[in-house]
Amino acid sequence: MGEIPFITVEGPIGVGKTSLAKAISEQFQFALLKEIVDENPFLGKFYENIEEWSFQTEMFFLCNRFKQLGDINTHYLSKNKAVVADYHIFKNLIFAQRTLNSEEYNKYYKIYQILTKDMPKPNVIIYLNASLDTLLNRIKLRGREVEKNISPLYLKQLSLDYEQTIALFEKEHPEIPVLRFNGDDLDFIKNEHDLEFIIGKLSSALKSASWTNTLRTGGCS
């Protein structure tokens, strides 16, 4: 594990990744990296016709995340400044495997391997999951125009893909802690005690690692 905290929050659409990443950033005074979503010009078309617009959509996300992670490394991690992000780059493969045909995916995967080869790797992952009903309700509540046509079947399949990916990641990377939280049981947006519970678990994970001094100067209470 690296000496500087680089935390990523992951999980399916609507589970609350950005809200939790923002709360962690504020609590620990870590830099916040938010993925670009609404700026993707293909996303609305993608939810209307996944087959036709999947490759353009996934390539946009991959290129933007490549640039973001490069900037984070240059401006923060390389200067010993901790970062929390509301995504892990592996999510690109989760979505691409679900939406691209085999020929498109093979091309995409080659590009992904080239771009991610030297990217900074997170050393703590927070994984949020929730039932389909909870995800659909939260998507509806936040009211993003581009998400109004999300198929419940697509979202259900995506959630299963996440479960499989996280399980494989834990097996292949036992040195990287994965903190799991269920969004059906915890509402860290409305319930301060739920947020404190998550912050406490994260704080314990960080303090057991090699950057205790970084935490003490980062404003963690």
Protein backbone atom coordinates (compact mmCIF):
# COMPACT_ATOMS: atom_id res chain seq x y z
CA MET A 1 0.00 0.00 0.00
CA GLY A 2 1.18 3.52 -0.73
CA GLU A 3 2.08 5.93 2.06
CA ILE A 4 -0.42 8.60 1.02
CA PRO A 5 -4.15 7.82 1.41
CA PHE A 6 -5.87 7.43 -1.93
CA ILE A 7 -9.42 6.31 -1.22
CA THR A 8 -12.05 5.44 -3.78
CA VAL A 9 -15.78 5.05 -3.21
CA GLU A 10 -17.47 2.62 -5.59
CA GLY A 11 -20.83 1.01 -6.24
CA PRO A 12 -23.69 1.00 -8.75
CA ILE A 13 -25.50 4.05 -10.08
CA GLY A 14 -27.51 5.89 -7.43
CA VAL A 15 -25.90 4.32 -4.36
CA GLY A 16 -24.43 7.59 -3.08
CA LYS A 17 -20.76 7.50 -4.08
CA THR A 18 -20.30 11.23 -4.62
CA SER A 19 -22.14 12.20 -1.44
CA LEU A 20 -19.99 9.89 0.66
CA ALA A 21 -16.74 10.92 -1.06
CA LYS A 22 -17.59 14.57 -0.38
CA ALA A 23 -18.33 13.83 3.28
CA ILE A 24 -15.01 11.99 3.65
CA SER A 25 -13.18 14.85 1.96
CA GLU A 26 -14.67 17.32 4.41
CA GLN A 27 -14.03 15.13 7.45
CA PHE A 28 -10.37 14.36 6.73
CA GLN A 29 -9.53 17.44 4.67
CA PHE A 30 -8.57 15.27 1.71
CA ALA A 31 -8.68 16.49 -1.88
CA LEU A 32 -11.88 15.42 -3.67
CA LEU A 33 -11.90 13.84 -7.13
CA LYS A 34 -15.35 13.66 -8.73
CA GLU A 35 -15.97 11.83 -11.98
CA ILE A 36 -17.35 13.71 -14.95
CA VAL A 37 -20.89 12.51 -15.67
CA ASP A 38 -23.23 15.23 -16.87
CA GLU A 39 -20.61 16.55 -19.28
CA ASN A 40 -20.66 13.32 -21.29
CA PRO A 41 -22.51 14.29 -24.49
CA PHE A 42 -23.38 10.67 -25.26
CA LEU A 43 -24.90 9.65 -21.92
CA GLY A 44 -28.53 10.61 -22.57
CA LYS A 45 -28.46 8.86 -25.94
CA PHE A 46 -26.78 5.86 -24.29
CA TYR A 47 -29.65 5.30 -21.83
CA GLU A 48 -32.11 5.54 -24.73
CA ASN A 49 -30.17 3.15 -26.99
CA ILE A 50 -27.35 1.32 -25.23
CA GLU A 51 -26.27 -0.77 -28.19
CA GLU A 52 -25.81 2.18 -30.53
CA TRP A 53 -24.07 4.62 -28.18
CA SER A 54 -22.11 2.40 -25.77
CA PHE A 55 -18.66 2.64 -27.36
CA GLN A 56 -18.72 6.44 -27.64
CA THR A 57 -19.98 6.74 -24.07
CA GLU A 58 -17.35 4.42 -22.59
CA MET A 59 -14.49 6.01 -24.52
CA PHE A 60 -15.49 9.47 -23.30
CA PHE A 61 -15.46 8.28 -19.69
CA LEU A 62 -12.15 6.45 -20.08
CA CYS A 63 -10.34 9.41 -21.62
CA ASN A 64 -11.66 11.85 -19.04
CA ARG A 65 -10.81 9.59 -16.11
CA PHE A 66 -7.32 9.08 -17.52
CA LYS A 67 -6.83 12.87 -17.55
CA GLN A 68 -8.33 13.30 -14.08
CA LEU A 69 -6.13 10.64 -12.48
CA GLY A 70 -3.06 12.07 -14.17
CA ASP A 71 -3.87 15.50 -12.75
CA ILE A 72 -4.53 14.05 -9.28
CA ASN A 73 -1.17 12.33 -9.32
CA THR A 74 0.64 15.49 -10.44
CA HIS A 75 -1.07 17.99 -8.16
CA TYR A 76 -1.79 15.93 -5.04
CA LEU A 77 -0.42 12.41 -4.59
CA SER A 78 3.08 13.24 -5.81
CA LYS A 79 3.06 16.13 -3.32
CA ASN A 80 2.04 13.92 -0.39
CA LYS A 81 -1.55 15.20 -0.36
CA ALA A 82 -4.28 12.63 0.28
CA VAL A 83 -7.19 12.13 -2.13
CA VAL A 84 -10.68 10.61 -2.02
CA ALA A 85 -12.41 9.83 -5.32
CA ASP A 86 -15.99 8.88 -6.11
CA TYR A 87 -14.87 6.19 -8.56
CA HIS A 88 -12.20 3.58 -9.25
CA ILE A 89 -10.89 3.25 -12.79
CA PHE A 90 -11.87 -0.43 -12.85
CA LYS A 91 -15.50 0.67 -13.20
CA ASN A 92 -14.76 1.29 -16.86
CA LEU A 93 -14.42 -2.42 -17.47
CA ILE A 94 -17.59 -3.19 -15.51
CA PHE A 95 -19.64 -0.95 -17.78
CA ALA A 96 -17.79 -1.85 -20.97
CA GLN A 97 -18.24 -5.60 -20.45
CA ARG A 98 -21.95 -5.06 -19.94
CA THR A 99 -22.56 -2.78 -22.94
CA LEU A 100 -19.99 -3.46 -25.68
CA ASN A 101 -20.02 -6.33 -28.15
CA SER A 102 -16.99 -8.61 -28.21
CA GLU A 103 -15.20 -6.81 -31.05
CA GLU A 104 -15.71 -3.39 -29.47
CA TYR A 105 -14.69 -4.65 -26.06
CA ASN A 106 -11.42 -6.14 -27.35
CA LYS A 107 -10.49 -2.77 -28.86
CA TYR A 108 -11.58 -0.94 -25.74
CA TYR A 109 -9.65 -3.25 -23.43
CA LYS A 110 -6.40 -2.71 -25.33
CA ILE A 111 -6.79 1.05 -24.99
CA TYR A 112 -7.71 0.67 -21.30
CA GLN A 113 -4.56 -1.38 -20.62
CA ILE A 114 -2.34 1.23 -22.25
CA LEU A 115 -3.92 4.19 -20.47
CA THR A 116 -4.09 2.65 -16.99
CA LYS A 117 -0.65 1.05 -16.94
CA ASP A 118 1.01 3.87 -14.97
CA MET A 119 -2.02 5.34 -13.22
CA PRO A 120 -1.96 5.82 -9.43
CA LYS A 121 -3.67 2.94 -7.65
CA PRO A 122 -6.05 3.50 -4.70
CA ASN A 123 -5.00 1.88 -1.42
CA VAL A 124 -8.43 1.81 0.24
CA ILE A 125 -11.77 1.06 -1.42
CA ILE A 126 -15.20 1.76 0.03
CA TYR A 127 -17.85 -0.34 -1.65
CA LEU A 128 -21.48 0.69 -1.37
CA ASN A 129 -24.30 -1.58 -2.49
CA ALA A 130 -28.08 -1.48 -2.18
CA SER A 131 -31.21 -3.20 -3.41
CA LEU A 132 -32.68 -2.34 -6.79
CA ASP A 133 -35.61 -0.51 -5.16
CA THR A 134 -33.26 1.69 -3.15
CA LEU A 135 -31.14 2.52 -6.20
CA LEU A 136 -34.17 3.38 -8.35
CA ASN A 137 -35.61 5.56 -5.60
CA ARG A 138 -32.39 7.50 -5.12
CA ILE A 139 -31.97 7.98 -8.86
CA LYS A 140 -35.51 9.35 -9.01
CA LEU A 141 -34.94 11.67 -6.05
CA ARG A 142 -31.81 13.26 -7.48
CA GLY A 143 -33.63 13.88 -10.76
CA ARG A 144 -30.82 13.85 -13.30
CA GLU A 145 -32.29 14.31 -16.76
CA VAL A 146 -29.80 11.91 -18.38
CA GLU A 147 -30.80 9.11 -15.98
CA LYS A 148 -34.56 9.22 -16.46
CA ASN A 149 -34.48 6.40 -19.02
CA ILE A 150 -32.29 3.96 -17.08
CA SER A 151 -33.68 0.45 -17.40
CA PRO A 152 -34.27 -1.35 -14.08
CA LEU A 153 -32.99 -4.54 -15.73
CA TYR A 154 -29.78 -2.79 -16.78
CA LEU A 155 -29.32 -1.44 -13.24
CA LYS A 156 -29.95 -4.87 -11.70
CA GLN A 157 -27.39 -6.49 -14.00
CA LEU A 158 -24.93 -3.71 -13.23
CA SER A 159 -25.28 -4.32 -9.51
CA LEU A 160 -24.50 -8.00 -10.00
CA ASP A 161 -21.48 -7.07 -12.12
CA TYR A 162 -20.21 -4.88 -9.30
CA GLU A 163 -20.58 -7.69 -6.77
CA GLN A 164 -18.55 -10.03 -8.96
CA THR A 165 -15.88 -7.42 -9.68
CA ILE A 166 -15.42 -6.49 -6.02
CA ALA A 167 -15.20 -10.16 -5.01
CA LEU A 168 -12.52 -10.76 -7.65
CA PHE A 169 -10.66 -7.59 -6.66
CA GLU A 170 -10.53 -8.70 -3.02
CA LYS A 171 -9.14 -12.06 -4.10
CA GLU A 172 -6.49 -10.58 -6.39
CA HIS A 173 -5.53 -7.66 -4.11
CA PRO A 174 -5.65 -8.87 -0.49
CA GLU A 175 -3.29 -6.06 0.51
CA ILE A 176 -5.91 -3.40 -0.28
CA PRO A 177 -8.73 -3.12 2.28
CA VAL A 178 -12.28 -3.06 0.92
CA LEU A 179 -14.84 -1.60 3.32
CA ARG A 180 -18.37 -2.75 2.48
CA PHE A 181 -21.52 -0.86 3.44
CA ASN A 182 -25.15 -1.62 2.60
CA GLY A 183 -27.22 1.36 1.47
CA ASP A 184 -30.45 -0.34 2.54
CA ASP A 185 -29.24 -0.36 6.16
CA LEU A 186 -27.30 2.92 6.21
CA ASP A 187 -28.52 6.32 5.05
CA PHE A 188 -25.42 8.47 5.56
CA ILE A 189 -27.02 11.43 3.78
CA LYS A 190 -29.98 11.81 6.14
CA ASN A 191 -28.63 10.09 9.25
CA GLU A 192 -25.58 11.60 10.92
CA HIS A 193 -25.03 8.48 13.04
CA ASP A 194 -24.77 6.34 9.89
CA LEU A 195 -22.17 8.71 8.47
CA GLU A 196 -20.22 8.64 11.74
CA PHE A 197 -20.27 4.84 11.63
CA ILE A 198 -18.73 4.80 8.14
CA ILE A 199 -16.19 7.50 9.03
CA GLY A 200 -15.21 5.49 12.10
CA LYS A 201 -14.61 2.32 10.09
CA LEU A 202 -12.55 4.25 7.54
CA SER A 203 -10.56 6.00 10.24
CA SER A 204 -9.69 2.66 11.80
CA ALA A 205 -8.56 1.26 8.46
CA LEU A 206 -6.37 4.27 7.78
CA LYS A 207 -4.82 4.36 11.24
CA SER A 208 -3.83 0.72 10.94
CA ALA A 209 -1.84 1.55 7.81
CA SER A 210 1.49 3.35 7.43
CA TRP A 211 0.23 6.93 7.14
CA THR A 212 -0.95 7.66 10.68
CA ASN A 213 1.00 10.92 10.71
CA THR A 214 -0.75 12.04 7.52
CA LEU A 215 -4.11 11.57 9.22
CA ARG A 216 -3.09 13.54 12.26
CA THR A 217 -2.17 16.56 10.15
CA GLY A 218 -5.18 16.16 7.86
CA GLY A 219 -7.87 17.29 10.24
CA CYS A 220 -9.37 13.95 11.22
CA SER A 221 -11.32 14.09 14.46
